[in-house]
PDB file of N, CA and C in Angstrom:
ATOM      1  N   UNK A   1      35.025  68.656-108.441  1.00  0.00           N
ATOM      2  CA  UNK A   1      34.887  68.361-107.032  1.00  0.00           C
ATOM      3  C   UNK A   1      34.946  66.858-106.858  1.00  0.00           C
ATOM      4  N   UNK A   2      35.652  66.414-105.853  1.00  0.00           N
ATOM      5  CA  UNK A   2      35.685  65.001-105.543  1.00  0.00           C
ATOM      6  C   UNK A   2      35.407  64.821-104.066  1.00  0.00           C
ATOM      7  N   UNK A   3      34.825  63.687-103.737  1.00  0.00           N
ATOM      8  CA  UNK A   3      34.504  63.376-102.356  1.00  0.00           C
ATOM      9  C   UNK A   3      35.157  62.055-102.018  1.00  0.00           C
ATOM     10  N   UNK A   4      35.921  62.012-100.961  1.00  0.00           N
ATOM     11  CA  UNK A   4      36.546  60.772-100.528  1.00  0.00           C
ATOM     12  C   UNK A   4      35.639  60.120 -99.497  1.00  0.00           C
ATOM     13  N   UNK A   5      35.114  58.953 -99.822  1.00  0.00           N
ATOM     14  CA  UNK A   5      34.291  58.201 -98.887  1.00  0.00           C
ATOM     15  C   UNK A   5      35.158  57.125 -98.266  1.00  0.00           C
ATOM     16  N   UNK A   6      35.232  57.097 -96.964  1.00  0.00           N
ATOM     17  CA  UNK A   6      36.140  56.171 -96.313  1.00  0.00           C
ATOM     18  C   UNK A   6      35.440  54.969 -95.699  1.00  0.00           C
ATOM     19  N   UNK A   7      34.121  54.985 -95.603  1.00  0.00           N
ATOM     20  CA  UNK A   7      33.418  53.849 -95.018  1.00  0.00           C
ATOM     21  C   UNK A   7      33.487  52.655 -95.951  1.00  0.00           C
ATOM     22  N   UNK A   8      33.664  51.465 -95.390  1.00  0.00           N
ATOM     23  CA  UNK A   8      33.717  50.269 -96.220  1.00  0.00           C
ATOM     24  C   UNK A   8      32.735  49.204 -95.769  1.00  0.00           C
ATOM     25  N   UNK A   9      32.162  49.338 -94.589  1.00  0.00           N
ATOM     26  CA  UNK A   9      31.223  48.347 -94.095  1.00  0.00           C
ATOM     27  C   UNK A   9      29.884  48.503 -94.804  1.00  0.00           C
ATOM     28  N   UNK A  10      29.402  47.454 -95.510  1.00  0.00           N
ATOM     29  CA  UNK A  10      28.147  47.566 -96.252  1.00  0.00           C
ATOM     30  C   UNK A  10      26.936  47.467 -95.330  1.00  0.00           C
ATOM     31  N   UNK A  11      26.416  48.605 -94.907  1.00  0.00           N
ATOM     32  CA  UNK A  11      25.229  48.652 -94.073  1.00  0.00           C
ATOM     33  C   UNK A  11      24.376  49.820 -94.531  1.00  0.00           C
ATOM     34  N   UNK A  12      23.191  49.919 -93.970  1.00  0.00           N
ATOM     35  CA  UNK A  12      22.331  51.062 -94.243  1.00  0.00           C
ATOM     36  C   UNK A  12      22.818  52.190 -93.349  1.00  0.00           C
ATOM     37  N   UNK A  13      23.390  53.228 -93.925  1.00  0.00           N
ATOM     38  CA  UNK A  13      23.969  54.291 -93.117  1.00  0.00           C
ATOM     39  C   UNK A  13      23.813  55.646 -93.788  1.00  0.00           C
ATOM     40  N   UNK A  14      23.780  56.657 -92.966  1.00  0.00           N
ATOM     41  CA  UNK A  14      23.733  58.035 -93.431  1.00  0.00           C
ATOM     42  C   UNK A  14      24.896  58.750 -92.772  1.00  0.00           C
ATOM     43  N   UNK A  15      25.575  59.586 -93.520  1.00  0.00           N
ATOM     44  CA  UNK A  15      26.717  60.281 -92.940  1.00  0.00           C
ATOM     45  C   UNK A  15      26.968  61.568 -93.698  1.00  0.00           C
ATOM     46  N   UNK A  16      27.868  62.350 -93.190  1.00  0.00           N
ATOM     47  CA  UNK A  16      28.337  63.546 -93.866  1.00  0.00           C
ATOM     48  C   UNK A  16      29.787  63.300 -94.247  1.00  0.00           C
ATOM     49  N   UNK A  17      30.074  63.351 -95.538  1.00  0.00           N
ATOM     50  CA  UNK A  17      31.431  63.119 -96.035  1.00  0.00           C
ATOM     51  C   UNK A  17      32.079  64.458 -96.340  1.00  0.00           C
ATOM     52  N   UNK A  18      33.331  64.659 -95.920  1.00  0.00           N
ATOM     53  CA  UNK A  18      34.003  65.925 -96.215  1.00  0.00           C
ATOM     54  C   UNK A  18      34.212  66.118 -97.714  1.00  0.00           C
ATOM     55  N   UNK A  19      34.072  67.354 -98.167  1.00  0.00           N
ATOM     56  CA  UNK A  19      34.347  67.689 -99.559  1.00  0.00           C
ATOM     57  C   UNK A  19      35.839  67.933 -99.673  1.00  0.00           C
ATOM     58  N   UNK A  20      36.476  67.277-100.618  1.00  0.00           N
ATOM     59  CA  UNK A  20      37.924  67.406-100.784  1.00  0.00           C
ATOM     60  C   UNK A  20      38.314  68.860-100.989  1.00  0.00           C
ATOM     61  N   UNK A  21      39.369  69.290-100.316  1.00  0.00           N
ATOM     62  CA  UNK A  21      39.898  70.638-100.478  1.00  0.00           C
ATOM     63  C   UNK A  21      39.193  71.690 -99.649  1.00  0.00           C
ATOM     64  N   UNK A  22      38.287  71.280 -98.763  1.00  0.00           N
ATOM     65  CA  UNK A  22      37.600  72.253 -97.914  1.00  0.00           C
ATOM     66  C   UNK A  22      37.771  71.849 -96.459  1.00  0.00           C
ATOM     67  N   UNK A  23      37.586  72.809 -95.570  1.00  0.00           N
ATOM     68  CA  UNK A  23      37.726  72.522 -94.154  1.00  0.00           C
ATOM     69  C   UNK A  23      36.381  72.327 -93.465  1.00  0.00           C
ATOM     70  N   UNK A  24      35.344  73.063 -93.912  1.00  0.00           N
ATOM     71  CA  UNK A  24      34.089  73.055 -93.169  1.00  0.00           C
ATOM     72  C   UNK A  24      32.910  72.477 -93.925  1.00  0.00           C
ATOM     73  N   UNK A  25      32.985  72.319 -95.218  1.00  0.00           N
ATOM     74  CA  UNK A  25      31.835  71.862 -95.988  1.00  0.00           C
ATOM     75  C   UNK A  25      31.775  70.343 -96.045  1.00  0.00           C
ATOM     76  N   UNK A  26      30.574  69.819 -95.928  1.00  0.00           N
ATOM     77  CA  UNK A  26      30.350  68.383 -95.981  1.00  0.00           C
ATOM     78  C   UNK A  26      29.150  68.083 -96.863  1.00  0.00           C
ATOM     79  N   UNK A  27      29.139  66.895 -97.433  1.00  0.00           N
ATOM     80  CA  UNK A  27      28.006  66.428 -98.209  1.00  0.00           C
ATOM     81  C   UNK A  27      27.278  65.359 -97.420  1.00  0.00           C
ATOM     82  N   UNK A  28      25.950  65.384 -97.463  1.00  0.00           N
ATOM     83  CA  UNK A  28      25.177  64.316 -96.855  1.00  0.00           C
ATOM     84  C   UNK A  28      25.199  63.124 -97.795  1.00  0.00           C
ATOM     85  N   UNK A  29      25.438  61.943 -97.248  1.00  0.00           N
ATOM     86  CA  UNK A  29      25.513  60.717 -98.041  1.00  0.00           C
ATOM     87  C   UNK A  29      24.621  59.660 -97.414  1.00  0.00           C
ATOM     88  N   UNK A  30      23.742  59.064 -98.218  1.00  0.00           N
ATOM     89  CA  UNK A  30      22.948  57.905 -97.793  1.00  0.00           C
ATOM     90  C   UNK A  30      23.566  56.713 -98.504  1.00  0.00           C
ATOM     91  N   UNK A  31      24.008  55.726 -97.732  1.00  0.00           N
ATOM     92  CA  UNK A  31      24.705  54.580 -98.319  1.00  0.00           C
ATOM     93  C   UNK A  31      24.056  53.298 -97.824  1.00  0.00           C
ATOM     94  N   UNK A  32      23.753  52.397 -98.754  1.00  0.00           N
ATOM     95  CA  UNK A  32      23.071  51.156 -98.402  1.00  0.00           C
ATOM     96  C   UNK A  32      23.468  50.067 -99.389  1.00  0.00           C
ATOM     97  N   UNK A  33      23.442  48.817 -98.946  1.00  0.00           N
ATOM     98  CA  UNK A  33      23.729  47.688 -99.819  1.00  0.00           C
ATOM     99  C   UNK A  33      25.183  47.282 -99.803  1.00  0.00           C
ATOM    100  N   UNK A  34      25.498  46.321-100.683  1.00  0.00           N
ATOM    101  CA  UNK A  34      26.870  45.852-100.824  1.00  0.00           C
ATOM    102  C   UNK A  34      27.084  45.407-102.258  1.00  0.00           C
ATOM    103  N   UNK A  35      28.336  45.319-102.641  1.00  0.00           N
ATOM    104  CA  UNK A  35      28.682  44.960-104.009  1.00  0.00           C
ATOM    105  C   UNK A  35      29.442  46.093-104.660  1.00  0.00           C
ATOM    106  N   UNK A  36      29.382  46.147-105.985  1.00  0.00           N
ATOM    107  CA  UNK A  36      30.051  47.217-106.723  1.00  0.00           C
ATOM    108  C   UNK A  36      29.428  48.560-106.345  1.00  0.00           C
ATOM    109  N   UNK A  37      30.239  49.603-106.149  1.00  0.00           N
ATOM    110  CA  UNK A  37      29.688  50.920-105.810  1.00  0.00           C
ATOM    111  C   UNK A  37      28.865  51.498-106.961  1.00  0.00           C
ATOM    112  N   UNK A  38      27.781  52.143-106.607  1.00  0.00           N
ATOM    113  CA  UNK A  38      26.922  52.838-107.559  1.00  0.00           C
ATOM    114  C   UNK A  38      26.578  54.185-106.944  1.00  0.00           C
ATOM    115  N   UNK A  39      27.063  55.268-107.548  1.00  0.00           N
ATOM    116  CA  UNK A  39      26.832  56.616-107.031  1.00  0.00           C
ATOM    117  C   UNK A  39      25.625  57.216-107.743  1.00  0.00           C
ATOM    118  N   UNK A  40      24.659  57.688-106.954  1.00  0.00           N
ATOM    119  CA  UNK A  40      23.450  58.308-107.495  1.00  0.00           C
ATOM    120  C   UNK A  40      23.505  59.804-107.243  1.00  0.00           C
ATOM    121  N   UNK A  41      23.390  60.581-108.308  1.00  0.00           N
ATOM    122  CA  UNK A  41      23.375  62.044-108.207  1.00  0.00           C
ATOM    123  C   UNK A  41      22.003  62.547-108.622  1.00  0.00           C
ATOM    124  N   UNK A  42      21.419  63.402-107.820  1.00  0.00           N
ATOM    125  CA  UNK A  42      20.094  63.937-108.099  1.00  0.00           C
ATOM    126  C   UNK A  42      20.165  65.083-109.098  1.00  0.00           C
ATOM    127  N   UNK A  43      19.019  65.439-109.640  1.00  0.00           N
ATOM    128  CA  UNK A  43      18.925  66.561-110.568  1.00  0.00           C
ATOM    129  C   UNK A  43      18.704  67.876-109.836  1.00  0.00           C
ATOM    130  N   UNK A  44      18.626  68.957-110.596  1.00  0.00           N
ATOM    131  CA  UNK A  44      18.439  70.291-110.050  1.00  0.00           C
ATOM    132  C   UNK A  44      17.116  70.374-109.290  1.00  0.00           C
ATOM    133  N   UNK A  45      17.159  70.895-108.080  1.00  0.00           N
ATOM    134  CA  UNK A  45      15.958  71.049-107.260  1.00  0.00           C
ATOM    135  C   UNK A  45      15.541  69.782-106.542  1.00  0.00           C
ATOM    136  N   UNK A  46      16.326  68.752-106.597  1.00  0.00           N
ATOM    137  CA  UNK A  46      16.016  67.469-105.954  1.00  0.00           C
ATOM    138  C   UNK A  46      16.986  67.221-104.804  1.00  0.00           C
ATOM    139  N   UNK A  47      16.929  66.020-104.255  1.00  0.00           N
ATOM    140  CA  UNK A  47      17.881  65.568-103.247  1.00  0.00           C
ATOM    141  C   UNK A  47      17.964  64.053-103.359  1.00  0.00           C
ATOM    142  N   UNK A  48      18.735  63.444-102.491  1.00  0.00           N
ATOM    143  CA  UNK A  48      18.876  61.986-102.524  1.00  0.00           C
ATOM    144  C   UNK A  48      17.546  61.279-102.264  1.00  0.00           C
ATOM    145  N   UNK A  49      16.598  61.969-101.657  1.00  0.00           N
ATOM    146  CA  UNK A  49      15.280  61.377-101.397  1.00  0.00           C
ATOM    147  C   UNK A  49      14.582  60.989-102.698  1.00  0.00           C
ATOM    148  N   UNK A  50      14.902  61.658-103.793  1.00  0.00           N
ATOM    149  CA  UNK A  50      14.309  61.329-105.086  1.00  0.00           C
ATOM    150  C   UNK A  50      14.616  59.912-105.551  1.00  0.00           C
ATOM    151  N   UNK A  51      15.666  59.304-105.006  1.00  0.00           N
ATOM    152  CA  UNK A  51      16.038  57.935-105.362  1.00  0.00           C
ATOM    153  C   UNK A  51      15.300  56.892-104.531  1.00  0.00           C
ATOM    154  N   UNK A  52      14.493  57.325-103.567  1.00  0.00           N
ATOM    155  CA  UNK A  52      13.820  56.408-102.648  1.00  0.00           C
ATOM    156  C   UNK A  52      13.045  55.276-103.351  1.00  0.00           C
ATOM    157  N   UNK A  53      12.322  55.538-104.455  1.00  0.00           N
ATOM    158  CA  UNK A  53      11.556  54.448-105.085  1.00  0.00           C
ATOM    159  C   UNK A  53      12.415  53.306-105.648  1.00  0.00           C
ATOM    160  N   UNK A  54      13.679  53.553-105.952  1.00  0.00           N
ATOM    161  CA  UNK A  54      14.501  52.513-106.588  1.00  0.00           C
ATOM    162  C   UNK A  54      15.714  52.094-105.766  1.00  0.00           C
ATOM    163  N   UNK A  55      15.986  52.788-104.677  1.00  0.00           N
ATOM    164  CA  UNK A  55      17.234  52.543-103.955  1.00  0.00           C
ATOM    165  C   UNK A  55      17.309  51.132-103.375  1.00  0.00           C
ATOM    166  N   UNK A  56      16.211  50.583-102.878  1.00  0.00           N
ATOM    167  CA  UNK A  56      16.242  49.234-102.305  1.00  0.00           C
ATOM    168  C   UNK A  56      16.529  48.179-103.371  1.00  0.00           C
ATOM    169  N   UNK A  57      15.932  48.330-104.545  1.00  0.00           N
ATOM    170  CA  UNK A  57      16.186  47.379-105.633  1.00  0.00           C
ATOM    171  C   UNK A  57      17.642  47.442-106.078  1.00  0.00           C
ATOM    172  N   UNK A  58      18.196  48.640-106.161  1.00  0.00           N
ATOM    173  CA  UNK A  58      19.597  48.791-106.556  1.00  0.00           C
ATOM    174  C   UNK A  58      20.535  48.243-105.482  1.00  0.00           C
ATOM    175  N   UNK A  59      20.163  48.420-104.203  1.00  0.00           N
ATOM    176  CA  UNK A  59      21.002  47.977-103.090  1.00  0.00           C
ATOM    177  C   UNK A  59      21.084  46.460-102.987  1.00  0.00           C
ATOM    178  N   UNK A  60      20.181  45.738-103.649  1.00  0.00           N
ATOM    179  CA  UNK A  60      20.238  44.278-103.624  1.00  0.00           C
ATOM    180  C   UNK A  60      21.503  43.764-104.318  1.00  0.00           C
ATOM    181  N   UNK A  61      22.080  44.574-105.223  1.00  0.00           N
ATOM    182  CA  UNK A  61      23.254  44.134-105.984  1.00  0.00           C
ATOM    183  C   UNK A  61      24.421  45.115-105.945  1.00  0.00           C
ATOM    184  N   UNK A  62      24.231  46.272-105.309  1.00  0.00           N
ATOM    185  CA  UNK A  62      25.262  47.316-105.333  1.00  0.00           C
ATOM    186  C   UNK A  62      25.423  47.966-103.968  1.00  0.00           C
ATOM    187  N   UNK A  63      26.591  48.566-103.765  1.00  0.00           N
ATOM    188  CA  UNK A  63      26.823  49.474-102.646  1.00  0.00           C
ATOM    189  C   UNK A  63      26.360  50.834-103.159  1.00  0.00           C
ATOM    190  N   UNK A  64      25.137  51.218-102.824  1.00  0.00           N
ATOM    191  CA  UNK A  64      24.525  52.430-103.365  1.00  0.00           C
ATOM    192  C   UNK A  64      24.911  53.630-102.513  1.00  0.00           C
ATOM    193  N   UNK A  65      25.402  54.659-103.176  1.00  0.00           N
ATOM    194  CA  UNK A  65      25.833  55.884-102.509  1.00  0.00           C
ATOM    195  C   UNK A  65      25.021  57.029-103.117  1.00  0.00           C
ATOM    196  N   UNK A  66      24.007  57.492-102.381  1.00  0.00           N
ATOM    197  CA  UNK A  66      23.156  58.595-102.847  1.00  0.00           C
ATOM    198  C   UNK A  66      23.610  59.869-102.139  1.00  0.00           C
ATOM    199  N   UNK A  67      24.011  60.845-102.920  1.00  0.00           N
ATOM    200  CA  UNK A  67      24.619  62.066-102.385  1.00  0.00           C
ATOM    201  C   UNK A  67      23.655  63.243-102.524  1.00  0.00           C
ATOM    202  N   UNK A  68      23.572  64.071-101.482  1.00  0.00           N
ATOM    203  CA  UNK A  68      22.911  65.377-101.596  1.00  0.00           C
ATOM    204  C   UNK A  68      23.993  66.365-102.003  1.00  0.00           C
ATOM    205  N   UNK A  69      23.891  66.908-103.204  1.00  0.00           N
ATOM    206  CA  UNK A  69      24.884  67.865-103.690  1.00  0.00           C
ATOM    207  C   UNK A  69      24.832  69.153-102.862  1.00  0.00           C
ATOM    208  N   UNK A  70      25.898  69.954-102.876  1.00  0.00           N
ATOM    209  CA  UNK A  70      25.940  71.169-102.058  1.00  0.00           C
ATOM    210  C   UNK A  70      24.730  72.078-102.281  1.00  0.00           C
ATOM    211  N   UNK A  71      24.098  72.445-101.167  1.00  0.00           N
ATOM    212  CA  UNK A  71      22.945  73.343-101.219  1.00  0.00           C
ATOM    213  C   UNK A  71      21.616  72.640-101.437  1.00  0.00           C
ATOM    214  N   UNK A  72      21.621  71.314-101.491  1.00  0.00           N
ATOM    215  CA  UNK A  72      20.392  70.551-101.707  1.00  0.00           C
ATOM    216  C   UNK A  72      20.234  69.520-100.599  1.00  0.00           C
ATOM    217  N   UNK A  73      18.992  69.154-100.304  1.00  0.00           N
ATOM    218  CA  UNK A  73      18.731  68.156 -99.278  1.00  0.00           C
ATOM    219  C   UNK A  73      19.362  68.550 -97.961  1.00  0.00           C
ATOM    220  N   UNK A  74      20.146  67.645 -97.400  1.00  0.00           N
ATOM    221  CA  UNK A  74      20.765  67.879 -96.097  1.00  0.00           C
ATOM    222  C   UNK A  74      22.222  68.329 -96.189  1.00  0.00           C
ATOM    223  N   UNK A  75      22.679  68.698 -97.389  1.00  0.00           N
ATOM    224  CA  UNK A  75      24.038  69.217 -97.548  1.00  0.00           C
ATOM    225  C   UNK A  75      24.017  70.741 -97.553  1.00  0.00           C
ATOM    226  N   UNK A  76      24.950  71.368 -96.811  1.00  0.00           N
ATOM    227  CA  UNK A  76      24.992  72.832 -96.789  1.00  0.00           C
ATOM    228  C   UNK A  76      25.537  73.387 -98.100  1.00  0.00           C
ATOM    229  N   UNK A  77      25.322  74.687 -98.306  1.00  0.00           N
ATOM    230  CA  UNK A  77      25.921  75.375 -99.451  1.00  0.00           C
ATOM    231  C   UNK A  77      27.436  75.344 -99.310  1.00  0.00           C
ATOM    232  N   UNK A  78      28.135  75.441-100.433  1.00  0.00           N
ATOM    233  CA  UNK A  78      29.597  75.464-100.390  1.00  0.00           C
ATOM    234  C   UNK A  78      30.117  76.743 -99.768  1.00  0.00           C
ATOM    235  N   UNK A  79      29.506  77.874-100.121  1.00  0.00           N
ATOM    236  CA  UNK A  79      29.980  79.167 -99.632  1.00  0.00           C
ATOM    237  C   UNK A  79      28.910  79.803 -98.760  1.00  0.00           C
ATOM    238  N   UNK A  80      29.312  80.293 -97.625  1.00  0.00           N
ATOM    239  CA  UNK A  80      28.382  81.084 -96.832  1.00  0.00           C
ATOM    240  C   UNK A  80      28.694  82.551 -97.106  1.00  0.00           C
ATOM    241  N   UNK A  81      27.675  83.376 -97.047  1.00  0.00           N
ATOM    242  CA  UNK A  81      27.876  84.797 -97.304  1.00  0.00           C
ATOM    243  C   UNK A  81      28.107  85.096 -98.765  1.00  0.00           C
ATOM    244  N   UNK A  82      27.548  84.298 -99.645  1.00  0.00           N
ATOM    245  CA  UNK A  82      27.732  84.515-101.084  1.00  0.00           C
ATOM    246  C   UNK A  82      27.109  85.837-101.502  1.00  0.00           C
ATOM    247  N   UNK A  83      27.720  86.492-102.462  1.00  0.00           N
ATOM    248  CA  UNK A  83      27.174  87.751-102.957  1.00  0.00           C
ATOM    249  C   UNK A  83      26.345  87.511-104.206  1.00  0.00           C
ATOM    250  N   UNK A  84      25.438  88.422-104.458  1.00  0.00           N
ATOM    251  CA  UNK A  84      24.574  88.349-105.636  1.00  0.00           C
ATOM    252  C   UNK A  84      25.381  88.837-106.837  1.00  0.00           C
ATOM    253  N   UNK A  85      25.597  87.979-107.828  1.00  0.00           N
ATOM    254  CA  UNK A  85      26.422  88.346-108.988  1.00  0.00           C
ATOM    255  C   UNK A  85      25.792  89.458-109.823  1.00  0.00           C
ATOM    256  N   UNK A  86      24.478  89.600-109.743  1.00  0.00           N
ATOM    257  CA  UNK A  86      23.804  90.642-110.516  1.00  0.00           C
ATOM    258  C   UNK A  86      24.089  92.022-109.947  1.00  0.00           C
ATOM    259  N   UNK A  87      24.339  92.091-108.642  1.00  0.00           N
ATOM    260  CA  UNK A  87      24.616  93.362-107.982  1.00  0.00           C
ATOM    261  C   UNK A  87      25.805  93.167-107.038  1.00  0.00           C
ATOM    262  N   UNK A  88      27.031  93.328-107.551  1.00  0.00           N
ATOM    263  CA  UNK A  88      28.226  93.106-106.726  1.00  0.00           C
ATOM    264  C   UNK A  88      28.162  93.866-105.404  1.00  0.00           C
ATOM    265  N   UNK A  89      28.602  93.211-104.352  1.00  0.00           N
ATOM    266  CA  UNK A  89      28.605  93.824-103.026  1.00  0.00           C
ATOM    267  C   UNK A  89      27.316  93.599-102.253  1.00  0.00           C
ATOM    268  N   UNK A  90      26.250  93.186-102.942  1.00  0.00           N
ATOM    269  CA  UNK A  90      24.979  92.934-102.267  1.00  0.00           C
ATOM    270  C   UNK A  90      24.864  91.442-101.967  1.00  0.00           C
ATOM    271  N   UNK A  91      24.462  91.124-100.745  1.00  0.00           N
ATOM    272  CA  UNK A  91      24.323  89.722-100.357  1.00  0.00           C
ATOM    273  C   UNK A  91      23.182  89.084-101.133  1.00  0.00           C
ATOM    274  N   UNK A  92      23.394  87.838-101.534  1.00  0.00           N
ATOM    275  CA  UNK A  92      22.365  87.083-102.250  1.00  0.00           C
ATOM    276  C   UNK A  92      21.181  86.888-101.309  1.00  0.00           C
ATOM    277  N   UNK A  93      19.929  86.997-101.806  1.00  0.00           N
ATOM    278  CA  UNK A  93      18.756  86.856-100.947  1.00  0.00           C
ATOM    279  C   UNK A  93      18.730  85.557-100.143  1.00  0.00           C
ATOM    280  N   UNK A  94      19.276  84.487-100.689  1.00  0.00           N
ATOM    281  CA  UNK A  94      19.274  83.215 -99.979  1.00  0.00           C
ATOM    282  C   UNK A  94      20.197  83.250 -98.759  1.00  0.00           C
ATOM    283  N   UNK A  95      21.114  84.208 -98.721  1.00  0.00           N
ATOM    284  CA  UNK A  95      22.063  84.305 -97.618  1.00  0.00           C
ATOM    285  C   UNK A  95      21.807  85.535 -96.754  1.00  0.00           C
ATOM    286  N   UNK A  96      20.766  86.272 -97.054  1.00  0.00           N
ATOM    287  CA  UNK A  96      20.446  87.466 -96.258  1.00  0.00           C
ATOM    288  C   UNK A  96      19.882  87.037 -94.912  1.00  0.00           C
ATOM    289  N   UNK A  97      20.076  87.842 -93.941  1.00  0.00           N
ATOM    290  CA  UNK A  97      19.498  87.469 -92.666  1.00  0.00           C
ATOM    291  C   UNK A  97      19.875  88.331 -91.538  1.00  0.00           C
TER     292      UNK A  97
END
């Protein structure tokens, strides 16, 4: 998966960047600072908020791009209506409703 970020103005900004090859899915991006780009990816069960303790220090020398991966933080899941792989044809509990 690749994400094309088109913003170039170094400011404190939050946005949703389109996911390459999709029409409706977007990733939430928190971008701050200026300089060489530095992309921060969170771990499983986290979001870009996990970078909060260090993001200001990193932004002093870098264009920091903290991304919420699909299904985490403020980014939506990639697929809506996903099925439960354990029981084909049954909707996954996270998508039931």
